[in-house]
ModelCIF file with pLDDT and N, C-alpha, C, O atoms, coordinates in Angstrom:
data_MODEL
#
_entry.id   MODEL 
#
_entity.id                         1 
_entity.type                       polymer 
_entity.pdbx_number_of_molecules   1 
#
_entity_poly.entity_id                      1 
_entity_poly.type                           'polypeptide(L)' 
_entity_poly.nstd_linkage                   no 
_entity_poly.nstd_monomer                   no 
_entity_poly.pdbx_seq_one_letter_code       LMSSGFVYAGKALAGKTALSADDFAKLYMLFADGVAARGKAQRGERT 
_entity_poly.pdbx_seq_one_letter_code_can   LMSSGFVYAGKALAGKTALSADDFAKLYMLFADGVAARGKAQRGERT 
_entity_poly.pdbx_strand_id                 A 
#
loop_
_entity_poly_seq.entity_id 
_entity_poly_seq.num 
_entity_poly_seq.mon_id 
_entity_poly_seq.hetero 
1 1  LEU n 
1 2  MET n 
1 3  SER n 
1 4  SER n 
1 5  GLY n 
1 6  PHE n 
1 7  VAL n 
1 8  TYR n 
1 9  ALA n 
1 10 GLY n 
1 11 LYS n 
1 12 ALA n 
1 13 LEU n 
1 14 ALA n 
1 15 GLY n 
1 16 LYS n 
1 17 THR n 
1 18 ALA n 
1 19 LEU n 
1 20 SER n 
1 21 ALA n 
1 22 ASP n 
1 23 ASP n 
1 24 PHE n 
1 25 ALA n 
1 26 LYS n 
1 27 LEU n 
1 28 TYR n 
1 29 MET n 
1 30 LEU n 
1 31 PHE n 
1 32 ALA n 
1 33 ASP n 
1 34 GLY n 
1 35 VAL n 
1 36 ALA n 
1 37 ALA n 
1 38 ARG n 
1 39 GLY n 
1 40 LYS n 
1 41 ALA n 
1 42 GLN n 
1 43 ARG n 
1 44 GLY n 
1 45 GLU n 
1 46 ARG n 
1 47 THR n 
#
_struct_asym.id          A 
_struct_asym.entity_id   1 
#
loop_
_ma_qa_metric.id 
_ma_qa_metric.mode 
_ma_qa_metric.name 
_ma_qa_metric.software_group_id 
_ma_qa_metric.type 
1 global pLDDT . pLDDT 
2 local  pLDDT . pLDDT 
#
_ma_qa_metric_global.metric_id      1 
_ma_qa_metric_global.metric_value   96.72 
_ma_qa_metric_global.model_id       1 
_ma_qa_metric_global.ordinal_id     1 
#
loop_
_ma_qa_metric_local.label_asym_id 
_ma_qa_metric_local.label_comp_id 
_ma_qa_metric_local.label_seq_id 
_ma_qa_metric_local.metric_id 
_ma_qa_metric_local.metric_value 
_ma_qa_metric_local.model_id 
_ma_qa_metric_local.ordinal_id 
A LEU 1  2 97.00 1 1  
A MET 2  2 97.00 1 2  
A SER 3  2 97.00 1 3  
A SER 4  2 98.00 1 4  
A GLY 5  2 98.00 1 5  
A PHE 6  2 97.00 1 6  
A VAL 7  2 98.00 1 7  
A TYR 8  2 98.00 1 8  
A ALA 9  2 98.00 1 9  
A GLY 10 2 98.00 1 10 
A LYS 11 2 98.00 1 11 
A ALA 12 2 98.00 1 12 
A LEU 13 2 97.00 1 13 
A ALA 14 2 97.00 1 14 
A GLY 15 2 97.00 1 15 
A LYS 16 2 97.00 1 16 
A THR 17 2 97.00 1 17 
A ALA 18 2 97.00 1 18 
A LEU 19 2 98.00 1 19 
A SER 20 2 98.00 1 20 
A ALA 21 2 98.00 1 21 
A ASP 22 2 98.00 1 22 
A ASP 23 2 98.00 1 23 
A PHE 24 2 98.00 1 24 
A ALA 25 2 98.00 1 25 
A LYS 26 2 98.00 1 26 
A LEU 27 2 98.00 1 27 
A TYR 28 2 98.00 1 28 
A MET 29 2 98.00 1 29 
A LEU 30 2 98.00 1 30 
A PHE 31 2 98.00 1 31 
A ALA 32 2 98.00 1 32 
A ASP 33 2 98.00 1 33 
A GLY 34 2 98.00 1 34 
A VAL 35 2 98.00 1 35 
A ALA 36 2 97.00 1 36 
A ALA 37 2 97.00 1 37 
A ARG 38 2 96.00 1 38 
A GLY 39 2 94.00 1 39 
A LYS 40 2 93.00 1 40 
A ALA 41 2 91.00 1 41 
A GLN 42 2 92.00 1 42 
A ARG 43 2 94.00 1 43 
A GLY 44 2 93.00 1 44 
A GLU 45 2 92.00 1 45 
A ARG 46 2 93.00 1 46 
A THR 47 2 94.00 1 47 
#
loop_
_atom_site.group_PDB 
_atom_site.id 
_atom_site.type_symbol 
_atom_site.label_atom_id 
_atom_site.label_alt_id 
_atom_site.label_comp_id 
_atom_site.label_asym_id 
_atom_site.label_entity_id 
_atom_site.label_seq_id 
_atom_site.pdbx_PDB_ins_code 
_atom_site.Cartn_x 
_atom_site.Cartn_y 
_atom_site.Cartn_z 
_atom_site.occupancy 
_atom_site.B_iso_or_equiv 
_atom_site.pdbx_formal_charge 
_atom_site.auth_seq_id 
_atom_site.auth_comp_id 
_atom_site.auth_asym_id 
_atom_site.auth_atom_id 
_atom_site.pdbx_PDB_model_num 
ATOM 1   N N  . LEU A 1 1  ? 2.625   1.060   11.310  1.00 97.00 ? 1  LEU A N  1 
ATOM 2   C CA . LEU A 1 1  ? 2.880   1.509   9.943   1.00 97.00 ? 1  LEU A CA 1 
ATOM 3   C C  . LEU A 1 1  ? 2.678   0.388   8.936   1.00 97.00 ? 1  LEU A C  1 
ATOM 4   O O  . LEU A 1 1  ? 1.993   0.569   7.929   1.00 97.00 ? 1  LEU A O  1 
ATOM 5   N N  . MET A 1 2  ? 3.270   -0.762  9.203   1.00 97.00 ? 2  MET A N  1 
ATOM 6   C CA . MET A 1 2  ? 3.132   -1.888  8.289   1.00 97.00 ? 2  MET A CA 1 
ATOM 7   C C  . MET A 1 2  ? 1.679   -2.349  8.187   1.00 97.00 ? 2  MET A C  1 
ATOM 8   O O  . MET A 1 2  ? 1.203   -2.684  7.103   1.00 97.00 ? 2  MET A O  1 
ATOM 9   N N  . SER A 1 3  ? 0.987   -2.363  9.306   1.00 97.00 ? 3  SER A N  1 
ATOM 10  C CA . SER A 1 3  ? -0.416  -2.772  9.279   1.00 97.00 ? 3  SER A CA 1 
ATOM 11  C C  . SER A 1 3  ? -1.241  -1.785  8.464   1.00 97.00 ? 3  SER A C  1 
ATOM 12  O O  . SER A 1 3  ? -2.182  -2.177  7.774   1.00 97.00 ? 3  SER A O  1 
ATOM 13  N N  . SER A 1 4  ? -0.890  -0.512  8.543   1.00 98.00 ? 4  SER A N  1 
ATOM 14  C CA . SER A 1 4  ? -1.605  0.507   7.779   1.00 98.00 ? 4  SER A CA 1 
ATOM 15  C C  . SER A 1 4  ? -1.420  0.297   6.277   1.00 98.00 ? 4  SER A C  1 
ATOM 16  O O  . SER A 1 4  ? -2.329  0.562   5.491   1.00 98.00 ? 4  SER A O  1 
ATOM 17  N N  . GLY A 1 5  ? -0.234  -0.182  5.883   1.00 98.00 ? 5  GLY A N  1 
ATOM 18  C CA . GLY A 1 5  ? 0.003   -0.478  4.479   1.00 98.00 ? 5  GLY A CA 1 
ATOM 19  C C  . GLY A 1 5  ? -0.944  -1.546  3.979   1.00 98.00 ? 5  GLY A C  1 
ATOM 20  O O  . GLY A 1 5  ? -1.476  -1.436  2.874   1.00 98.00 ? 5  GLY A O  1 
ATOM 21  N N  . PHE A 1 6  ? -1.162  -2.581  4.776   1.00 97.00 ? 6  PHE A N  1 
ATOM 22  C CA . PHE A 1 6  ? -2.063  -3.652  4.378   1.00 97.00 ? 6  PHE A CA 1 
ATOM 23  C C  . PHE A 1 6  ? -3.512  -3.172  4.329   1.00 97.00 ? 6  PHE A C  1 
ATOM 24  O O  . PHE A 1 6  ? -4.253  -3.513  3.407   1.00 97.00 ? 6  PHE A O  1 
ATOM 25  N N  . VAL A 1 7  ? -3.908  -2.389  5.313   1.00 98.00 ? 7  VAL A N  1 
ATOM 26  C CA . VAL A 1 7  ? -5.290  -1.904  5.345   1.00 98.00 ? 7  VAL A CA 1 
ATOM 27  C C  . VAL A 1 7  ? -5.569  -0.997  4.149   1.00 98.00 ? 7  VAL A C  1 
ATOM 28  O O  . VAL A 1 7  ? -6.612  -1.116  3.507   1.00 98.00 ? 7  VAL A O  1 
ATOM 29  N N  . TYR A 1 8  ? -4.646  -0.101  3.853   1.00 98.00 ? 8  TYR A N  1 
ATOM 30  C CA . TYR A 1 8  ? -4.803  0.833   2.737   1.00 98.00 ? 8  TYR A CA 1 
ATOM 31  C C  . TYR A 1 8  ? -4.869  0.081   1.407   1.00 98.00 ? 8  TYR A C  1 
ATOM 32  O O  . TYR A 1 8  ? -5.741  0.343   0.578   1.00 98.00 ? 8  TYR A O  1 
ATOM 33  N N  . ALA A 1 9  ? -3.950  -0.843  1.216   1.00 98.00 ? 9  ALA A N  1 
ATOM 34  C CA . ALA A 1 9  ? -3.934  -1.628  -0.015  1.00 98.00 ? 9  ALA A CA 1 
ATOM 35  C C  . ALA A 1 9  ? -5.177  -2.497  -0.123  1.00 98.00 ? 9  ALA A C  1 
ATOM 36  O O  . ALA A 1 9  ? -5.746  -2.654  -1.204  1.00 98.00 ? 9  ALA A O  1 
ATOM 37  N N  . GLY A 1 10 ? -5.595  -3.061  1.008   1.00 98.00 ? 10 GLY A N  1 
ATOM 38  C CA . GLY A 1 10 ? -6.772  -3.912  1.007   1.00 98.00 ? 10 GLY A CA 1 
ATOM 39  C C  . GLY A 1 10 ? -8.025  -3.178  0.571   1.00 98.00 ? 10 GLY A C  1 
ATOM 40  O O  . GLY A 1 10 ? -8.851  -3.729  -0.156  1.00 98.00 ? 10 GLY A O  1 
ATOM 41  N N  . LYS A 1 11 ? -8.169  -1.945  1.010   1.00 98.00 ? 11 LYS A N  1 
ATOM 42  C CA . LYS A 1 11 ? -9.336  -1.155  0.617   1.00 98.00 ? 11 LYS A CA 1 
ATOM 43  C C  . LYS A 1 11 ? -9.364  -0.951  -0.891  1.00 98.00 ? 11 LYS A C  1 
ATOM 44  O O  . LYS A 1 11 ? -10.426 -1.006  -1.511  1.00 98.00 ? 11 LYS A O  1 
ATOM 45  N N  . ALA A 1 12 ? -8.205  -0.718  -1.473  1.00 98.00 ? 12 ALA A N  1 
ATOM 46  C CA . ALA A 1 12 ? -8.125  -0.469  -2.918  1.00 98.00 ? 12 ALA A CA 1 
ATOM 47  C C  . ALA A 1 12 ? -8.354  -1.740  -3.731  1.00 98.00 ? 12 ALA A C  1 
ATOM 48  O O  . ALA A 1 12 ? -8.815  -1.680  -4.871  1.00 98.00 ? 12 ALA A O  1 
ATOM 49  N N  . LEU A 1 13 ? -8.030  -2.883  -3.143  1.00 97.00 ? 13 LEU A N  1 
ATOM 50  C CA . LEU A 1 13 ? -8.121  -4.148  -3.883  1.00 97.00 ? 13 LEU A CA 1 
ATOM 51  C C  . LEU A 1 13 ? -9.331  -4.979  -3.480  1.00 97.00 ? 13 LEU A C  1 
ATOM 52  O O  . LEU A 1 13 ? -9.437  -6.145  -3.860  1.00 97.00 ? 13 LEU A O  1 
ATOM 53  N N  . ALA A 1 14 ? -10.239 -4.395  -2.717  1.00 97.00 ? 14 ALA A N  1 
ATOM 54  C CA . ALA A 1 14 ? -11.435 -5.121  -2.278  1.00 97.00 ? 14 ALA A CA 1 
ATOM 55  C C  . ALA A 1 14 ? -12.224 -5.615  -3.480  1.00 97.00 ? 14 ALA A C  1 
ATOM 56  O O  . ALA A 1 14 ? -12.354 -4.918  -4.487  1.00 97.00 ? 14 ALA A O  1 
ATOM 57  N N  . GLY A 1 15 ? -12.750 -6.829  -3.359  1.00 97.00 ? 15 GLY A N  1 
ATOM 58  C CA . GLY A 1 15 ? -13.550 -7.416  -4.428  1.00 97.00 ? 15 GLY A CA 1 
ATOM 59  C C  . GLY A 1 15 ? -12.772 -8.389  -5.294  1.00 97.00 ? 15 GLY A C  1 
ATOM 60  O O  . GLY A 1 15 ? -13.359 -9.085  -6.122  1.00 97.00 ? 15 GLY A O  1 
ATOM 61  N N  . LYS A 1 16 ? -11.462 -8.448  -5.118  1.00 97.00 ? 16 LYS A N  1 
ATOM 62  C CA . LYS A 1 16 ? -10.632 -9.342  -5.940  1.00 97.00 ? 16 LYS A CA 1 
ATOM 63  C C  . LYS A 1 16 ? -10.326 -10.631 -5.182  1.00 97.00 ? 16 LYS A C  1 
ATOM 64  O O  . LYS A 1 16 ? -9.939  -10.603 -4.014  1.00 97.00 ? 16 LYS A O  1 
ATOM 65  N N  . THR A 1 17 ? -10.503 -11.744 -5.856  1.00 97.00 ? 17 THR A N  1 
ATOM 66  C CA . THR A 1 17 ? -10.151 -13.039 -5.258  1.00 97.00 ? 17 THR A CA 1 
ATOM 67  C C  . THR A 1 17 ? -8.795  -13.521 -5.758  1.00 97.00 ? 17 THR A C  1 
ATOM 68  O O  . THR A 1 17 ? -8.270  -14.524 -5.276  1.00 97.00 ? 17 THR A O  1 
ATOM 69  N N  . ALA A 1 18 ? -8.235  -12.805 -6.721  1.00 97.00 ? 18 ALA A N  1 
ATOM 70  C CA . ALA A 1 18 ? -6.898  -13.100 -7.227  1.00 97.00 ? 18 ALA A CA 1 
ATOM 71  C C  . ALA A 1 18 ? -6.307  -11.819 -7.791  1.00 97.00 ? 18 ALA A C  1 
ATOM 72  O O  . ALA A 1 18 ? -7.026  -10.983 -8.337  1.00 97.00 ? 18 ALA A O  1 
ATOM 73  N N  . LEU A 1 19 ? -4.994  -11.669 -7.658  1.00 98.00 ? 19 LEU A N  1 
ATOM 74  C CA . LEU A 1 19 ? -4.307  -10.491 -8.165  1.00 98.00 ? 19 LEU A CA 1 
ATOM 75  C C  . LEU A 1 19 ? -3.571  -10.841 -9.448  1.00 98.00 ? 19 LEU A C  1 
ATOM 76  O O  . LEU A 1 19 ? -2.786  -11.788 -9.486  1.00 98.00 ? 19 LEU A O  1 
ATOM 77  N N  . SER A 1 20 ? -3.826  -10.078 -10.489 1.00 98.00 ? 20 SER A N  1 
ATOM 78  C CA . SER A 1 20 ? -3.096  -10.223 -11.745 1.00 98.00 ? 20 SER A CA 1 
ATOM 79  C C  . SER A 1 20 ? -1.723  -9.573  -11.587 1.00 98.00 ? 20 SER A C  1 
ATOM 80  O O  . SER A 1 20 ? -1.426  -8.989  -10.544 1.00 98.00 ? 20 SER A O  1 
ATOM 81  N N  . ALA A 1 21 ? -0.897  -9.672  -12.610 1.00 98.00 ? 21 ALA A N  1 
ATOM 82  C CA . ALA A 1 21 ? 0.408   -9.008  -12.566 1.00 98.00 ? 21 ALA A CA 1 
ATOM 83  C C  . ALA A 1 21 ? 0.236   -7.509  -12.388 1.00 98.00 ? 21 ALA A C  1 
ATOM 84  O O  . ALA A 1 21 ? 1.009   -6.874  -11.671 1.00 98.00 ? 21 ALA A O  1 
ATOM 85  N N  . ASP A 1 22 ? -0.769  -6.942  -13.034 1.00 98.00 ? 22 ASP A N  1 
ATOM 86  C CA . ASP A 1 22 ? -1.045  -5.511  -12.906 1.00 98.00 ? 22 ASP A CA 1 
ATOM 87  C C  . ASP A 1 22 ? -1.421  -5.155  -11.470 1.00 98.00 ? 22 ASP A C  1 
ATOM 88  O O  . ASP A 1 22 ? -0.906  -4.185  -10.914 1.00 98.00 ? 22 ASP A O  1 
ATOM 89  N N  . ASP A 1 23 ? -2.314  -5.937  -10.870 1.00 98.00 ? 23 ASP A N  1 
ATOM 90  C CA . ASP A 1 23 ? -2.710  -5.719  -9.475  1.00 98.00 ? 23 ASP A CA 1 
ATOM 91  C C  . ASP A 1 23 ? -1.506  -5.876  -8.547  1.00 98.00 ? 23 ASP A C  1 
ATOM 92  O O  . ASP A 1 23 ? -1.317  -5.089  -7.620  1.00 98.00 ? 23 ASP A O  1 
ATOM 93  N N  . PHE A 1 24 ? -0.708  -6.888  -8.807  1.00 98.00 ? 24 PHE A N  1 
ATOM 94  C CA . PHE A 1 24 ? 0.451   -7.186  -7.966  1.00 98.00 ? 24 PHE A CA 1 
ATOM 95  C C  . PHE A 1 24 ? 1.440   -6.024  -7.984  1.00 98.00 ? 24 PHE A C  1 
ATOM 96  O O  . PHE A 1 24 ? 1.965   -5.637  -6.940  1.00 98.00 ? 24 PHE A O  1 
ATOM 97  N N  . ALA A 1 25 ? 1.695   -5.469  -9.161  1.00 98.00 ? 25 ALA A N  1 
ATOM 98  C CA . ALA A 1 25 ? 2.607   -4.332  -9.257  1.00 98.00 ? 25 ALA A CA 1 
ATOM 99  C C  . ALA A 1 25 ? 2.052   -3.125  -8.510  1.00 98.00 ? 25 ALA A C  1 
ATOM 100 O O  . ALA A 1 25 ? 2.798   -2.399  -7.853  1.00 98.00 ? 25 ALA A O  1 
ATOM 101 N N  . LYS A 1 26 ? 0.744   -2.912  -8.609  1.00 98.00 ? 26 LYS A N  1 
ATOM 102 C CA . LYS A 1 26 ? 0.112   -1.783  -7.920  1.00 98.00 ? 26 LYS A CA 1 
ATOM 103 C C  . LYS A 1 26 ? 0.163   -1.945  -6.404  1.00 98.00 ? 26 LYS A C  1 
ATOM 104 O O  . LYS A 1 26 ? 0.195   -0.962  -5.663  1.00 98.00 ? 26 LYS A O  1 
ATOM 105 N N  . LEU A 1 27 ? 0.171   -3.192  -5.956  1.00 98.00 ? 27 LEU A N  1 
ATOM 106 C CA . LEU A 1 27 ? 0.180   -3.469  -4.525  1.00 98.00 ? 27 LEU A CA 1 
ATOM 107 C C  . LEU A 1 27 ? 1.357   -2.795  -3.828  1.00 98.00 ? 27 LEU A C  1 
ATOM 108 O O  . LEU A 1 27 ? 1.210   -2.293  -2.714  1.00 98.00 ? 27 LEU A O  1 
ATOM 109 N N  . TYR A 1 28 ? 2.512   -2.778  -4.465  1.00 98.00 ? 28 TYR A N  1 
ATOM 110 C CA . TYR A 1 28 ? 3.698   -2.163  -3.853  1.00 98.00 ? 28 TYR A CA 1 
ATOM 111 C C  . TYR A 1 28 ? 3.474   -0.673  -3.585  1.00 98.00 ? 28 TYR A C  1 
ATOM 112 O O  . TYR A 1 28 ? 3.807   -0.174  -2.510  1.00 98.00 ? 28 TYR A O  1 
ATOM 113 N N  . MET A 1 29 ? 2.910   0.031   -4.563  1.00 98.00 ? 29 MET A N  1 
ATOM 114 C CA . MET A 1 29 ? 2.684   1.463   -4.388  1.00 98.00 ? 29 MET A CA 1 
ATOM 115 C C  . MET A 1 29 ? 1.568   1.725   -3.388  1.00 98.00 ? 29 MET A C  1 
ATOM 116 O O  . MET A 1 29 ? 1.660   2.648   -2.578  1.00 98.00 ? 29 MET A O  1 
ATOM 117 N N  . LEU A 1 30 ? 0.523   0.925   -3.442  1.00 98.00 ? 30 LEU A N  1 
ATOM 118 C CA . LEU A 1 30 ? -0.567  1.087   -2.480  1.00 98.00 ? 30 LEU A CA 1 
ATOM 119 C C  . LEU A 1 30 ? -0.073  0.896   -1.054  1.00 98.00 ? 30 LEU A C  1 
ATOM 120 O O  . LEU A 1 30 ? -0.428  1.654   -0.151  1.00 98.00 ? 30 LEU A O  1 
ATOM 121 N N  . PHE A 1 31 ? 0.750   -0.127  -0.868  1.00 98.00 ? 31 PHE A N  1 
ATOM 122 C CA . PHE A 1 31 ? 1.284   -0.396  0.466   1.00 98.00 ? 31 PHE A CA 1 
ATOM 123 C C  . PHE A 1 31 ? 2.130   0.785   0.949   1.00 98.00 ? 31 PHE A C  1 
ATOM 124 O O  . PHE A 1 31 ? 1.980   1.243   2.081   1.00 98.00 ? 31 PHE A O  1 
ATOM 125 N N  . ALA A 1 32 ? 3.017   1.269   0.083   1.00 98.00 ? 32 ALA A N  1 
ATOM 126 C CA . ALA A 1 32 ? 3.874   2.399   0.449   1.00 98.00 ? 32 ALA A CA 1 
ATOM 127 C C  . ALA A 1 32 ? 3.049   3.639   0.759   1.00 98.00 ? 32 ALA A C  1 
ATOM 128 O O  . ALA A 1 32 ? 3.343   4.359   1.713   1.00 98.00 ? 32 ALA A O  1 
ATOM 129 N N  . ASP A 1 33 ? 2.017   3.894   -0.042  1.00 98.00 ? 33 ASP A N  1 
ATOM 130 C CA . ASP A 1 33 ? 1.164   5.058   0.190   1.00 98.00 ? 33 ASP A CA 1 
ATOM 131 C C  . ASP A 1 33 ? 0.431   4.947   1.522   1.00 98.00 ? 33 ASP A C  1 
ATOM 132 O O  . ASP A 1 33 ? 0.242   5.948   2.213   1.00 98.00 ? 33 ASP A O  1 
ATOM 133 N N  . GLY A 1 34 ? 0.019   3.738   1.883   1.00 98.00 ? 34 GLY A N  1 
ATOM 134 C CA . GLY A 1 34 ? -0.648  3.536   3.157   1.00 98.00 ? 34 GLY A CA 1 
ATOM 135 C C  . GLY A 1 34 ? 0.265   3.820   4.336   1.00 98.00 ? 34 GLY A C  1 
ATOM 136 O O  . GLY A 1 34 ? -0.144  4.431   5.324   1.00 98.00 ? 34 GLY A O  1 
ATOM 137 N N  . VAL A 1 35 ? 1.508   3.368   4.218   1.00 98.00 ? 35 VAL A N  1 
ATOM 138 C CA . VAL A 1 35 ? 2.491   3.634   5.272   1.00 98.00 ? 35 VAL A CA 1 
ATOM 139 C C  . VAL A 1 35 ? 2.779   5.128   5.363   1.00 98.00 ? 35 VAL A C  1 
ATOM 140 O O  . VAL A 1 35 ? 2.866   5.685   6.457   1.00 98.00 ? 35 VAL A O  1 
ATOM 141 N N  . ALA A 1 36 ? 2.927   5.769   4.210   1.00 97.00 ? 36 ALA A N  1 
ATOM 142 C CA . ALA A 1 36 ? 3.219   7.207   4.187   1.00 97.00 ? 36 ALA A CA 1 
ATOM 143 C C  . ALA A 1 36 ? 2.078   8.023   4.788   1.00 97.00 ? 36 ALA A C  1 
ATOM 144 O O  . ALA A 1 36 ? 2.308   8.978   5.529   1.00 97.00 ? 36 ALA A O  1 
ATOM 145 N N  . ALA A 1 37 ? 0.856   7.637   4.463   1.00 97.00 ? 37 ALA A N  1 
ATOM 146 C CA . ALA A 1 37 ? -0.299  8.367   4.976   1.00 97.00 ? 37 ALA A CA 1 
ATOM 147 C C  . ALA A 1 37 ? -0.383  8.267   6.493   1.00 97.00 ? 37 ALA A C  1 
ATOM 148 O O  . ALA A 1 37 ? -0.717  9.243   7.165   1.00 97.00 ? 37 ALA A O  1 
ATOM 149 N N  . ARG A 1 38 ? -0.083  7.105   7.028   1.00 96.00 ? 38 ARG A N  1 
ATOM 150 C CA . ARG A 1 38 ? -0.153  6.914   8.483   1.00 96.00 ? 38 ARG A CA 1 
ATOM 151 C C  . ARG A 1 38 ? 1.022   7.585   9.186   1.00 96.00 ? 38 ARG A C  1 
ATOM 152 O O  . ARG A 1 38 ? 0.855   8.179   10.251  1.00 96.00 ? 38 ARG A O  1 
ATOM 153 N N  . GLY A 1 39 ? 2.210   7.490   8.591   1.00 94.00 ? 39 GLY A N  1 
ATOM 154 C CA . GLY A 1 39 ? 3.399   8.027   9.237   1.00 94.00 ? 39 GLY A CA 1 
ATOM 155 C C  . GLY A 1 39 ? 3.651   9.502   8.983   1.00 94.00 ? 39 GLY A C  1 
ATOM 156 O O  . GLY A 1 39 ? 4.507   10.100  9.635   1.00 94.00 ? 39 GLY A O  1 
ATOM 157 N N  . LYS A 1 40 ? 2.923   10.100  8.048   1.00 93.00 ? 40 LYS A N  1 
ATOM 158 C CA . LYS A 1 40 ? 3.085   11.521  7.706   1.00 93.00 ? 40 LYS A CA 1 
ATOM 159 C C  . LYS A 1 40 ? 4.528   11.837  7.310   1.00 93.00 ? 40 LYS A C  1 
ATOM 160 O O  . LYS A 1 40 ? 5.058   12.899  7.638   1.00 93.00 ? 40 LYS A O  1 
ATOM 161 N N  . ALA A 1 41 ? 5.146   10.906  6.606   1.00 91.00 ? 41 ALA A N  1 
ATOM 162 C CA . ALA A 1 41 ? 6.532   11.106  6.155   1.00 91.00 ? 41 ALA A CA 1 
ATOM 163 C C  . ALA A 1 41 ? 6.566   11.025  4.633   1.00 91.00 ? 41 ALA A C  1 
ATOM 164 O O  . ALA A 1 41 ? 5.552   10.758  3.989   1.00 91.00 ? 41 ALA A O  1 
ATOM 165 N N  . GLN A 1 42 ? 7.742   11.259  4.075   1.00 92.00 ? 42 GLN A N  1 
ATOM 166 C CA . GLN A 1 42 ? 7.913   11.159  2.633   1.00 92.00 ? 42 GLN A CA 1 
ATOM 167 C C  . GLN A 1 42 ? 9.292   10.611  2.328   1.00 92.00 ? 42 GLN A C  1 
ATOM 168 O O  . GLN A 1 42 ? 10.132  10.491  3.220   1.00 92.00 ? 42 GLN A O  1 
ATOM 169 N N  . ARG A 1 43 ? 9.527   10.277  1.062   1.00 94.00 ? 43 ARG A N  1 
ATOM 170 C CA . ARG A 1 43 ? 10.826  9.727   0.710   1.00 94.00 ? 43 ARG A CA 1 
ATOM 171 C C  . ARG A 1 43 ? 11.940  10.709  1.012   1.00 94.00 ? 43 ARG A C  1 
ATOM 172 O O  . ARG A 1 43 ? 11.743  11.924  1.047   1.00 94.00 ? 43 ARG A O  1 
ATOM 173 N N  . GLY A 1 44 ? 13.113  10.144  1.226   1.00 93.00 ? 44 GLY A N  1 
ATOM 174 C CA . GLY A 1 44 ? 14.290  10.973  1.464   1.00 93.00 ? 44 GLY A CA 1 
ATOM 175 C C  . GLY A 1 44 ? 14.476  11.400  2.899   1.00 93.00 ? 44 GLY A C  1 
ATOM 176 O O  . GLY A 1 44 ? 15.400  12.153  3.207   1.00 93.00 ? 44 GLY A O  1 
ATOM 177 N N  . GLU A 1 45 ? 13.607  10.930  3.790   1.00 92.00 ? 45 GLU A N  1 
ATOM 178 C CA . GLU A 1 45 ? 13.699  11.313  5.203   1.00 92.00 ? 45 GLU A CA 1 
ATOM 179 C C  . GLU A 1 45 ? 14.238  10.177  6.073   1.00 92.00 ? 45 GLU A C  1 
ATOM 180 O O  . GLU A 1 45 ? 14.091  10.190  7.295   1.00 92.00 ? 45 GLU A O  1 
ATOM 181 N N  . ARG A 1 46 ? 14.863  9.198   5.423   1.00 93.00 ? 46 ARG A N  1 
ATOM 182 C CA . ARG A 1 46 ? 15.504  8.083   6.129   1.00 93.00 ? 46 ARG A CA 1 
ATOM 183 C C  . ARG A 1 46 ? 14.498  7.293   6.974   1.00 93.00 ? 46 ARG A C  1 
ATOM 184 O O  . ARG A 1 46 ? 14.598  7.218   8.198   1.00 93.00 ? 46 ARG A O  1 
ATOM 185 N N  . THR A 1 47 ? 13.534  6.714   6.271   1.00 94.00 ? 47 THR A N  1 
ATOM 186 C CA . THR A 1 47 ? 12.521  5.883   6.922   1.00 94.00 ? 47 THR A CA 1 
ATOM 187 C C  . THR A 1 47 ? 12.284  4.638   6.072   1.00 94.00 ? 47 THR A C  1 
ATOM 188 O O  . THR A 1 47 ? 11.465  3.792   6.432   1.00 94.00 ? 47 THR A O  1 
#
């Protein structure tokens, strides 16, 4: 699950050699979305 978060976020941020504050903030949501997509879960399910 954690590895999927990195892969998902990495695909979205490809081409960047540095992350701005905007990119950095987006990284959290991208990572969470990657974990959710792999785990087929959603918030509120105690995960």
